Amino acid sequence: MANNNKESTQPNTQTGTQSGLWSQIESQPVDSIVYGRLYAKNLKIKSLGTKKALPLIPRNASCSYDLSVPEFLAGRNTTNHLCIGKDHLPDKILSRISNYHFCITKDMEDLNSPTFIEDKSRNGTFVNGHLIGTNKKMILKNDDIIALSHPSYKALVFKDLTPSEAKGLPKEVKDTYYVGRKLGSGACGVVHLIYDTKTCTPYAMKHVVKNLLGEYSKPKILNDPQRVMNEVNIMKSLEHPCVIKMHDIVNKADSVFMVLEYMKGGDLLNRIIQNKYLPEQNAKLFFLQMCHAVKYLHAKDITHRDLKPDNILLQNDDEETLLKVSDFGLSKFVQKDSVLRTLCGTPLYVAPEVLLTGGRGSYTRKVDIWSLGVVLYTMLSGTLPFSDEYGSPATEQIKRGKFSFRHRSWKSVSPQAKKLIYEILTIDPNTRPSIDDILNSSWMRDPEVIRKAEKLMNVRLTGTKKASTSDIENNNDKIFVEPPKKRQRTK
């Protein structure tokens, strides 16, 4: 019979190290929370968190030290939290111990963050037999063994007392990575922030559970094994500064774990929401990078099919930052003249030809062009061109290609940008511009923005002709922008 109880968030107490401690301390002040514990293995400890000498503890005795400070120092210096002296180690080993031999650090504001150990010694600190290296760090995990000066001298054992996000994950993941906080979740998977325990490099791990019932499941979901591995195969083949890169893959019978670049700037949707809308030059910089990512994908016969701000990731919080296209769960390899025949994509960003055929007709990579136009519109105004709030169903508005620039933010947007949006959001995919047409539009031929993009991407951009300011100004008289139309709202 199924167990309907909520899954416990408390640490596993079977190891004998947790003892319900977390439930008792999680409401305590940050500086009093115990996040870990060091047990003496081949070391007699003189100081247990005080500066006063305590009675000597016999070697191999059950002695421990609770870790509750952001920075914990160990070594021969008497001011250390853990002072190692002549009574605690044989002389031949003690002589190789530095005044500050190692340091354990923890972000006390985020207890799901890793516990780091930094080697500050001359002769080495080892974790599970691996040398950390002077002034280098590794991540400590539960039951890790710390050795001093030589891998054979196992001095301490670390016990992690914080809740683990790695419960139920495969050994291949837990052995290589520390699993931190959840970054997000959706219909197709959960994303966690993880760290390589040896290099401390952060990554984003996407965990997708396969639907083993496939087409026979009701209701049908997208996570069938073939679709999941389709995303994996696409991701493994990609190499572009504006396309998210896969670092590692763990494929199991019932799920797949994709280790991807971590983009700490979050997604484009949150950036738009935080700022209400983006200044035109910032939007142009982001759009230029998106276009080059799509150009690269189309050159490799890949149609993304789900371009939207949620799937555009930012490298950092800077106003001008590198951008990467992600989430290839709906992507498909297609030859240049091939057509696609499935209904997919996010409804408000999907092209009219997809809606008009209900997924039963045929369409091409021009669906990505349409989605780019919707994303550009959203960046510049903070609103959507098509919405159920505009008096008729959004799907009907998309099929007719009816939209307007009625939001007050459009008053500060250039005619060139509006003209480009009109051209992109064309119902007929045959007359809709290609990605090269977009890159060579008057609005995109901005030398300053191209220079910034090249610097961020660390490449020399091709396929975008730079234009002088005078060239753009001289083109103004050729631009006609339809005035905003007032929409009737339904009661």
Protein backbone atom coordinates (compact mmCIF):
# COMPACT_ATOMS: atom_id res chain seq x y z
CA MET A 1 0.00 0.00 0.00
CA ALA A 2 1.34 3.48 -0.88
CA ASN A 3 2.66 5.62 1.93
CA ASN A 4 0.90 8.98 1.87
CA ASN A 5 3.11 10.56 4.50
CA LYS A 6 5.32 13.43 3.43
CA GLU A 7 8.91 12.55 2.76
CA SER A 8 11.02 13.50 5.74
CA THR A 9 13.43 16.38 5.29
CA GLN A 10 15.46 15.33 8.33
CA PRO A 11 18.91 13.77 7.91
CA ASN A 12 19.25 10.00 8.04
CA THR A 13 19.84 9.08 11.68
CA GLN A 14 21.00 5.54 11.00
CA THR A 15 24.64 6.65 10.78
CA GLY A 16 24.59 7.61 14.44
CA THR A 17 25.76 11.13 13.65
CA GLN A 18 22.52 13.02 13.14
CA SER A 19 20.45 12.10 16.26
CA GLY A 20 17.62 14.45 15.33
CA LEU A 21 20.02 17.37 15.74
CA TRP A 22 18.81 19.32 12.72
CA SER A 23 15.22 19.61 13.91
CA GLN A 24 16.49 21.06 17.18
CA ILE A 25 18.84 23.68 15.73
CA GLU A 26 17.27 24.86 12.47
CA SER A 27 15.50 27.74 14.27
CA GLN A 28 18.61 28.87 16.12
CA PRO A 29 20.64 31.98 15.23
CA VAL A 30 23.00 31.48 12.28
CA ASP A 31 26.14 31.63 14.41
CA SER A 32 24.90 28.79 16.67
CA ILE A 33 23.79 26.31 14.01
CA VAL A 34 25.89 23.15 13.89
CA TYR A 35 26.29 22.18 10.25
CA GLY A 36 28.95 19.49 10.64
CA ARG A 37 31.06 17.50 13.05
CA LEU A 38 34.69 16.36 13.08
CA TYR A 39 35.50 13.05 14.73
CA ALA A 40 39.04 12.19 15.82
CA LYS A 41 40.37 9.15 14.01
CA ASN A 42 44.13 8.98 14.65
CA LEU A 43 44.37 12.28 16.45
CA LYS A 44 44.13 13.35 20.09
CA ILE A 45 42.37 16.70 20.27
CA LYS A 46 43.53 19.40 22.69
CA SER A 47 41.01 22.15 21.99
CA LEU A 48 37.29 21.67 21.46
CA GLY A 49 36.16 25.12 20.47
CA THR A 50 37.85 26.98 23.29
CA LYS A 51 41.23 28.64 23.68
CA LYS A 52 41.88 26.79 26.95
CA ALA A 53 43.72 23.50 27.13
CA LEU A 54 41.43 20.59 27.97
CA PRO A 55 42.39 17.21 29.46
CA LEU A 56 44.16 15.05 26.92
CA ILE A 57 41.93 12.66 25.07
CA PRO A 58 43.29 9.20 24.30
CA ARG A 59 44.02 8.46 20.68
CA ASN A 60 41.10 6.79 18.84
CA ALA A 61 38.69 7.89 21.59
CA SER A 62 35.19 8.94 20.59
CA CYS A 63 35.97 12.65 20.47
CA SER A 64 34.24 15.16 18.23
CA TYR A 65 34.11 18.86 17.43
CA ASP A 66 30.91 20.59 16.33
CA LEU A 67 31.30 22.98 13.41
CA SER A 68 29.18 26.12 13.79
CA VAL A 69 31.38 28.97 12.53
CA PRO A 70 31.80 30.24 8.95
CA GLU A 71 35.57 29.69 9.10
CA PHE A 72 37.19 26.91 11.12
CA LEU A 73 41.00 26.80 11.38
CA ALA A 74 43.18 23.81 12.31
CA GLY A 75 46.93 23.60 12.77
CA ARG A 76 49.73 24.12 15.29
CA ASN A 77 48.91 27.74 16.11
CA THR A 78 47.33 27.98 19.58
CA THR A 79 44.70 30.46 18.37
CA ASN A 80 43.17 27.90 16.00
CA HIS A 81 39.82 26.35 16.72
CA LEU A 82 41.59 23.01 16.56
CA CYS A 83 45.10 23.23 18.00
CA ILE A 84 47.41 20.35 17.13
CA GLY A 85 50.42 19.98 19.47
CA LYS A 86 53.17 17.59 20.49
CA ASP A 87 50.85 15.65 22.77
CA HIS A 88 48.55 14.78 19.91
CA LEU A 89 50.84 13.60 17.14
CA PRO A 90 54.18 11.77 16.90
CA ASP A 91 57.09 14.19 16.47
CA LYS A 92 57.90 12.93 12.96
CA ILE A 93 54.38 13.88 11.83
CA LEU A 94 53.97 16.99 13.97
CA SER A 95 57.04 18.55 12.36
CA ARG A 96 55.17 18.44 9.06
CA ILE A 97 52.08 20.20 10.42
CA SER A 98 51.78 23.90 9.54
CA ASN A 99 50.63 26.65 11.89
CA TYR A 100 47.50 26.90 9.75
CA HIS A 101 47.18 23.50 8.13
CA PHE A 102 43.63 23.59 6.79
CA CYS A 103 40.51 25.72 6.93
CA ILE A 104 36.87 24.60 6.72
CA THR A 105 34.38 27.22 5.47
CA LYS A 106 30.61 27.33 5.14
CA ASP A 107 28.13 29.94 3.92
CA MET A 108 25.98 30.14 7.05
CA GLU A 109 23.29 32.07 5.16
CA ASP A 110 22.73 29.10 2.83
CA LEU A 111 23.02 25.81 4.66
CA ASN A 112 22.41 23.92 1.40
CA SER A 113 25.73 25.30 0.17
CA PRO A 114 28.81 23.05 0.21
CA THR A 115 31.26 22.76 3.07
CA PHE A 116 34.71 23.63 1.68
CA ILE A 117 38.09 22.57 2.98
CA GLU A 118 41.10 24.64 1.94
CA ASP A 119 44.68 23.36 2.18
CA LYS A 120 46.88 26.01 3.80
CA SER A 121 49.82 23.74 4.57
CA ARG A 122 53.30 23.22 3.15
CA ASN A 123 53.13 19.43 3.21
CA GLY A 124 49.58 18.73 2.19
CA THR A 125 46.04 18.07 3.34
CA PHE A 126 44.26 15.05 1.87
CA VAL A 127 40.59 14.12 1.52
CA ASN A 128 39.95 10.41 0.97
CA GLY A 129 43.55 10.06 -0.16
CA HIS A 130 43.41 12.93 -2.69
CA LEU A 131 45.79 15.85 -2.22
CA ILE A 132 43.94 19.17 -2.15
CA GLY A 133 46.98 21.34 -2.96
CA THR A 134 48.27 24.49 -1.28
CA ASN A 135 45.67 27.31 -1.34
CA LYS A 136 43.25 25.09 -3.23
CA LYS A 137 39.84 23.83 -2.12
CA MET A 138 37.74 20.69 -2.21
CA ILE A 139 34.23 19.98 -0.99
CA LEU A 140 33.68 17.90 2.13
CA LYS A 141 30.91 15.33 2.08
CA ASN A 142 29.56 13.03 4.76
CA ASP A 143 32.09 10.44 6.00
CA ASP A 144 35.02 12.05 4.18
CA ILE A 145 38.38 11.31 5.80
CA ILE A 146 40.89 14.15 6.32
CA ALA A 147 44.56 13.17 6.38
CA LEU A 148 47.45 15.45 7.38
CA SER A 149 50.88 15.62 5.67
CA HIS A 150 50.47 12.13 4.17
CA PRO A 151 47.43 10.26 2.81
CA SER A 152 48.09 7.36 5.18
CA TYR A 153 47.79 9.52 8.30
CA LYS A 154 44.01 9.69 8.62
CA ALA A 155 43.39 12.23 11.34
CA LEU A 156 39.72 13.21 11.18
CA VAL A 157 36.32 12.14 9.82
CA PHE A 158 33.78 14.75 8.67
CA LYS A 159 30.05 14.26 9.31
CA ASP A 160 27.59 16.47 7.42
CA LEU A 161 24.61 17.39 9.63
CA THR A 162 22.66 19.47 7.11
CA PRO A 163 19.67 18.10 5.13
CA SER A 164 20.83 16.28 2.03
CA GLU A 165 19.41 17.05 -1.42
CA ALA A 166 21.18 13.96 -2.80
CA LYS A 167 18.80 11.41 -1.28
CA GLY A 168 17.72 8.86 -3.87
CA LEU A 169 20.20 10.01 -6.51
CA PRO A 170 22.45 7.45 -8.25
CA LYS A 171 25.92 6.69 -6.95
CA GLU A 172 27.53 8.15 -10.09
CA VAL A 173 26.09 11.55 -9.15
CA LYS A 174 26.76 11.43 -5.41
CA ASP A 175 30.35 10.24 -5.84
CA THR A 176 31.30 13.11 -8.14
CA TYR A 177 29.08 16.02 -7.13
CA TYR A 178 27.73 17.82 -4.11
CA VAL A 179 24.01 18.45 -4.64
CA GLY A 180 22.89 21.86 -3.41
CA ARG A 181 19.69 23.86 -3.51
CA LYS A 182 16.95 23.49 -6.09
CA LEU A 183 17.14 26.14 -8.81
CA GLY A 184 13.76 25.42 -10.35
CA SER A 185 11.32 22.80 -11.55
CA GLY A 186 8.79 22.27 -14.28
CA ALA A 187 6.78 19.66 -16.13
CA CYS A 188 9.90 18.14 -17.64
CA GLY A 189 12.29 18.02 -14.70
CA VAL A 190 13.93 19.45 -11.61
CA VAL A 191 17.13 21.54 -11.71
CA HIS A 192 19.61 21.60 -8.82
CA LEU A 193 22.76 23.62 -8.25
CA ILE A 194 25.60 21.11 -7.89
CA TYR A 195 29.38 21.30 -7.44
CA ASP A 196 32.23 19.10 -8.58
CA THR A 197 33.70 17.98 -5.25
CA LYS A 198 37.30 18.11 -6.50
CA THR A 199 37.31 21.29 -8.58
CA CYS A 200 34.47 23.08 -6.71
CA THR A 201 33.07 24.15 -10.10
CA PRO A 202 29.33 24.88 -9.95
CA TYR A 203 26.95 23.31 -12.48
CA ALA A 204 23.21 23.04 -13.00
CA MET A 205 21.93 19.46 -12.96
CA LYS A 206 18.67 18.77 -14.74
CA HIS A 207 16.96 15.59 -13.51
CA VAL A 208 14.35 14.26 -15.92
CA VAL A 209 12.27 11.21 -15.03
CA LYS A 210 11.50 9.07 -18.05
CA ASN A 211 7.93 8.07 -18.79
CA LEU A 212 8.45 4.38 -19.47
CA LEU A 213 4.83 3.95 -20.60
CA GLY A 214 5.53 6.20 -23.57
CA GLU A 215 2.66 6.67 -25.97
CA TYR A 216 0.35 4.38 -23.99
CA SER A 217 0.27 6.62 -20.91
CA LYS A 218 -2.85 8.70 -20.25
CA PRO A 219 -2.58 11.60 -20.15
CA LYS A 220 0.39 11.49 -22.47
CA ILE A 221 3.41 13.42 -21.19
CA LEU A 222 6.55 14.54 -22.92
CA ASN A 223 9.11 12.68 -20.82
CA ASP A 224 9.27 9.46 -22.83
CA PRO A 225 12.74 7.88 -23.07
CA GLN A 226 13.13 8.65 -26.77
CA ARG A 227 12.38 12.33 -26.22
CA VAL A 228 14.72 12.56 -23.23
CA MET A 229 17.60 10.99 -25.13
CA ASN A 230 16.81 13.27 -28.07
CA GLU A 231 17.59 16.24 -25.82
CA VAL A 232 20.77 14.54 -24.60
CA ASN A 233 22.02 13.81 -28.12
CA ILE A 234 21.35 17.39 -29.20
CA MET A 235 23.07 18.91 -26.17
CA LYS A 236 26.17 16.75 -26.53
CA SER A 237 26.68 17.93 -30.10
CA LEU A 238 26.58 21.68 -29.44
CA GLU A 239 29.51 24.09 -29.06
CA HIS A 240 28.67 27.80 -29.22
CA PRO A 241 29.20 30.71 -26.78
CA CYS A 242 25.45 31.47 -26.75
CA VAL A 243 24.23 27.88 -26.42
CA ILE A 244 24.26 26.09 -23.08
CA LYS A 245 26.95 23.40 -22.86
CA MET A 246 26.53 19.93 -21.42
CA HIS A 247 29.35 18.91 -19.07
CA ASP A 248 28.30 15.40 -18.06
CA ILE A 249 25.47 12.92 -18.46
CA VAL A 250 24.26 10.10 -16.21
CA ASN A 251 21.68 7.95 -17.96
CA LYS A 252 19.70 5.48 -15.86
CA ALA A 253 16.84 3.16 -16.76
CA ASP A 254 14.18 5.41 -15.26
CA SER A 255 15.73 8.87 -15.47
CA VAL A 256 18.54 10.95 -16.90
CA PHE A 257 20.77 13.53 -15.19
CA MET A 258 22.21 16.26 -17.39
CA VAL A 259 25.04 18.33 -15.88
CA LEU A 260 25.01 21.72 -17.60
CA GLU A 261 26.77 25.05 -17.39
CA TYR A 262 25.55 27.08 -14.43
CA MET A 263 24.31 30.55 -15.33
CA LYS A 264 24.02 32.44 -12.07
CA GLY A 265 22.24 35.42 -13.67
CA GLY A 266 18.97 33.49 -13.87
CA ASP A 267 16.68 33.56 -16.90
CA LEU A 268 15.65 36.38 -19.19
CA LEU A 269 12.03 36.30 -17.99
CA ASN A 270 13.05 37.22 -14.44
CA ARG A 271 15.33 39.97 -15.77
CA ILE A 272 12.41 41.47 -17.70
CA ILE A 273 10.07 41.20 -14.70
CA GLN A 274 12.61 42.81 -12.35
CA ASN A 275 13.09 45.76 -14.71
CA LYS A 276 9.51 45.89 -16.09
CA TYR A 277 11.08 46.05 -19.55
CA LEU A 278 14.60 46.39 -21.00
CA PRO A 279 16.19 49.52 -22.45
CA GLU A 280 16.39 49.24 -26.21
CA GLN A 281 20.18 48.93 -26.38
CA ASN A 282 20.20 46.16 -23.76
CA ALA A 283 17.40 44.34 -25.57
CA LYS A 284 19.34 44.65 -28.82
CA LEU A 285 22.48 43.19 -27.20
CA PHE A 286 20.52 40.21 -25.89
CA PHE A 287 18.60 39.76 -29.15
CA LEU A 288 21.81 39.81 -31.21
CA GLN A 289 23.22 36.97 -29.10
CA MET A 290 19.97 35.00 -29.41
CA CYS A 291 20.00 35.40 -33.17
CA HIS A 292 23.55 34.09 -33.45
CA ALA A 293 22.60 31.11 -31.28
CA VAL A 294 19.62 30.36 -33.56
CA LYS A 295 21.80 30.87 -36.65
CA TYR A 296 24.21 28.27 -35.26
CA LEU A 297 21.40 25.81 -34.47
CA HIS A 298 19.78 26.20 -37.88
CA ALA A 299 23.18 25.68 -39.56
CA LYS A 300 23.34 22.34 -37.72
CA ASP A 301 19.82 21.44 -38.90
CA ILE A 302 18.37 21.89 -35.42
CA THR A 303 15.07 23.67 -34.83
CA HIS A 304 14.60 24.67 -31.19
CA ARG A 305 10.77 24.99 -31.25
CA ASP A 306 10.44 26.42 -27.74
CA LEU A 307 12.26 29.75 -27.68
CA LYS A 308 10.96 31.95 -24.86
CA PRO A 309 12.48 34.15 -22.12
CA ASP A 310 12.29 31.27 -19.61
CA ASN A 311 14.73 29.28 -21.77
CA ILE A 312 17.25 32.10 -22.18
CA LEU A 313 19.84 32.07 -19.39
CA LEU A 314 22.14 34.92 -18.31
CA GLN A 315 25.72 34.47 -17.15
CA ASN A 316 25.54 37.00 -14.30
CA ASP A 317 23.55 39.92 -12.91
CA ASP A 318 25.40 42.56 -14.95
CA GLU A 319 23.26 44.78 -17.16
CA GLU A 320 25.33 43.67 -20.17
CA THR A 321 26.05 39.97 -19.88
CA LEU A 322 26.54 36.83 -21.93
CA LEU A 323 23.37 34.98 -22.83
CA LYS A 324 22.80 31.31 -23.63
CA VAL A 325 19.88 29.46 -25.19
CA SER A 326 18.87 26.38 -23.20
CA ASP A 327 16.23 23.65 -22.82
CA PHE A 328 16.29 21.55 -25.94
CA GLY A 329 13.56 19.14 -24.87
CA LEU A 330 11.39 20.03 -27.88
CA SER A 331 14.20 20.43 -30.38
CA LYS A 332 14.50 18.30 -33.45
CA PHE A 333 17.15 17.65 -36.07
CA VAL A 334 15.75 18.63 -39.46
CA GLN A 335 17.31 18.89 -42.86
CA LYS A 336 17.18 22.23 -44.66
CA ASP A 337 14.05 21.43 -46.65
CA SER A 338 12.43 19.19 -44.05
CA VAL A 339 9.17 19.89 -42.28
CA LEU A 340 8.00 19.31 -38.73
CA ARG A 341 4.61 17.81 -37.93
CA THR A 342 4.05 17.88 -34.16
CA LEU A 343 2.21 20.46 -32.06
CA CYS A 344 4.65 21.71 -29.46
CA GLY A 345 6.08 24.85 -27.97
CA THR A 346 4.66 27.35 -25.51
CA PRO A 347 1.26 28.65 -26.78
CA LEU A 348 1.95 32.38 -26.45
CA TYR A 349 5.24 32.07 -28.37
CA VAL A 350 4.18 29.48 -30.95
CA ALA A 351 3.95 30.36 -34.64
CA PRO A 352 0.54 30.66 -36.38
CA GLU A 353 1.27 27.85 -38.86
CA VAL A 354 1.54 25.43 -35.94
CA LEU A 355 -1.81 26.52 -34.50
CA LEU A 356 -3.54 26.63 -37.87
CA THR A 357 -2.78 22.96 -38.55
CA GLY A 358 -3.18 21.77 -34.97
CA GLY A 359 0.15 20.03 -35.33
CA ARG A 360 -1.11 17.88 -38.18
CA GLY A 361 0.29 20.01 -40.98
CA SER A 362 3.83 20.84 -41.88
CA TYR A 363 6.08 23.71 -40.87
CA THR A 364 9.74 24.62 -40.96
CA ARG A 365 12.46 26.25 -38.86
CA LYS A 366 10.69 29.57 -39.46
CA VAL A 367 8.79 28.75 -36.25
CA ASP A 368 11.94 29.81 -34.37
CA ILE A 369 11.93 33.15 -36.18
CA TRP A 370 8.39 33.88 -35.02
CA SER A 371 9.31 33.03 -31.42
CA LEU A 372 12.28 35.40 -31.62
CA GLY A 373 9.90 38.17 -32.62
CA VAL A 374 7.67 37.52 -29.61
CA VAL A 375 10.71 37.50 -27.30
CA LEU A 376 11.93 40.82 -28.76
CA TYR A 377 8.49 42.38 -28.31
CA THR A 378 8.44 41.18 -24.67
CA MET A 379 11.91 42.52 -23.89
CA LEU A 380 11.14 45.99 -25.25
CA SER A 381 7.74 46.41 -23.57
CA GLY A 382 7.46 43.94 -20.71
CA THR A 383 4.19 42.76 -22.30
CA LEU A 384 3.15 40.05 -24.74
CA PRO A 385 1.96 40.84 -28.28
CA PHE A 386 -0.78 38.23 -27.95
CA SER A 387 -2.82 37.59 -24.81
CA ASP A 388 -6.24 36.40 -23.73
CA GLU A 389 -6.54 39.72 -21.88
CA TYR A 390 -6.82 41.63 -25.16
CA GLY A 391 -10.48 40.78 -25.84
CA SER A 392 -10.19 37.58 -27.85
CA PRO A 393 -8.38 34.25 -27.41
CA ALA A 394 -4.61 34.62 -27.82
CA THR A 395 -4.55 31.70 -30.27
CA GLU A 396 -6.94 33.55 -32.58
CA GLN A 397 -4.83 36.72 -32.39
CA ILE A 398 -1.74 34.67 -33.33
CA LYS A 399 -3.49 33.02 -36.27
CA ARG A 400 -4.44 36.46 -37.62
CA GLY A 401 -1.10 38.04 -36.68
CA LYS A 402 -2.92 40.94 -35.02
CA PHE A 403 -0.93 42.93 -32.48
CA SER A 404 -0.15 46.57 -31.68
CA PHE A 405 2.32 48.78 -29.85
CA ARG A 406 -0.07 50.27 -27.34
CA HIS A 407 1.95 50.05 -24.10
CA ARG A 408 3.50 53.37 -22.99
CA SER A 409 6.98 51.79 -23.10
CA TRP A 410 6.81 51.78 -26.91
CA LYS A 411 7.02 55.58 -26.98
CA SER A 412 10.77 55.36 -26.38
CA VAL A 413 11.40 52.52 -28.85
CA SER A 414 12.91 53.33 -32.24
CA PRO A 415 10.97 52.91 -35.53
CA GLN A 416 13.64 50.44 -36.72
CA ALA A 417 12.89 48.06 -33.83
CA LYS A 418 9.13 48.22 -34.44
CA LYS A 419 9.63 47.67 -38.17
CA LEU A 420 11.70 44.55 -37.48
CA ILE A 421 9.03 43.14 -35.17
CA TYR A 422 6.37 43.71 -37.85
CA GLU A 423 8.52 41.86 -40.37
CA ILE A 424 9.20 38.93 -38.05
CA LEU A 425 5.60 38.48 -36.88
CA THR A 426 4.40 37.76 -40.40
CA ILE A 427 1.77 35.02 -40.70
CA ASP A 428 3.15 33.56 -43.93
CA PRO A 429 6.37 31.68 -43.05
CA ASN A 430 7.52 31.98 -46.66
CA THR A 431 7.71 35.78 -46.40
CA ARG A 432 8.91 35.78 -42.81
CA PRO A 433 12.61 36.82 -42.68
CA SER A 434 15.39 34.29 -42.24
CA ILE A 435 17.86 34.57 -39.40
CA ASP A 436 20.37 36.21 -41.78
CA ASP A 437 17.73 38.73 -42.85
CA ILE A 438 17.23 39.69 -39.20
CA LEU A 439 20.95 40.04 -38.56
CA ASN A 440 21.27 42.34 -41.54
CA SER A 441 18.28 44.53 -40.72
CA SER A 442 18.95 48.23 -40.10
CA TRP A 443 18.21 47.91 -36.37
CA MET A 444 20.71 45.10 -35.88
CA ARG A 445 23.56 46.75 -37.79
CA ASP A 446 24.67 48.67 -34.71
CA PRO A 447 28.50 48.80 -34.50
CA GLU A 448 28.58 49.49 -30.76
CA VAL A 449 26.24 46.62 -29.89
CA ILE A 450 28.09 44.25 -32.22
CA ARG A 451 31.37 45.22 -30.53
CA LYS A 452 29.92 44.50 -27.07
CA ALA A 453 28.51 41.15 -28.21
CA GLU A 454 31.85 40.13 -29.71
CA LYS A 455 33.56 40.95 -26.43
CA LEU A 456 31.04 38.95 -24.38
CA MET A 457 31.06 36.00 -26.76
CA ASN A 458 34.82 36.22 -27.27
CA VAL A 459 34.39 35.67 -31.02
CA ARG A 460 34.40 37.73 -34.19
CA LEU A 461 30.82 37.77 -35.41
CA THR A 462 30.13 36.93 -39.03
CA GLY A 463 26.90 37.31 -40.95
CA THR A 464 26.10 40.71 -39.40
CA LYS A 465 27.03 43.72 -41.48
CA LYS A 466 28.00 46.72 -39.40
CA ALA A 467 26.48 50.04 -40.38
CA SER A 468 27.41 53.57 -39.51
CA THR A 469 25.03 55.84 -37.62
CA SER A 470 24.43 57.85 -40.77
CA ASP A 471 23.38 54.73 -42.66
CA ILE A 472 20.73 54.02 -40.07
CA GLU A 473 19.55 57.61 -39.89
CA ASN A 474 19.23 57.79 -43.67
CA ASN A 475 16.96 54.76 -43.57
CA ASN A 476 14.42 56.39 -41.24
CA ASP A 477 12.31 57.82 -44.03
CA LYS A 478 11.74 54.33 -45.41
CA ILE A 479 10.27 53.07 -42.16
CA PHE A 480 6.51 53.06 -41.68
CA VAL A 481 5.11 52.00 -38.35
CA GLU A 482 1.40 51.37 -38.05
CA PRO A 483 -0.13 53.37 -35.17
CA PRO A 484 -1.33 51.32 -32.19
CA LYS A 485 -4.86 50.02 -32.51
CA LYS A 486 -7.29 50.18 -29.64
CA ARG A 487 -8.56 46.73 -28.74
CA GLN A 488 -12.08 46.06 -27.54
CA ARG A 489 -12.21 44.16 -24.29
CA THR A 490 -14.89 41.59 -23.67
CA LYS A 491 -17.12 42.10 -20.68
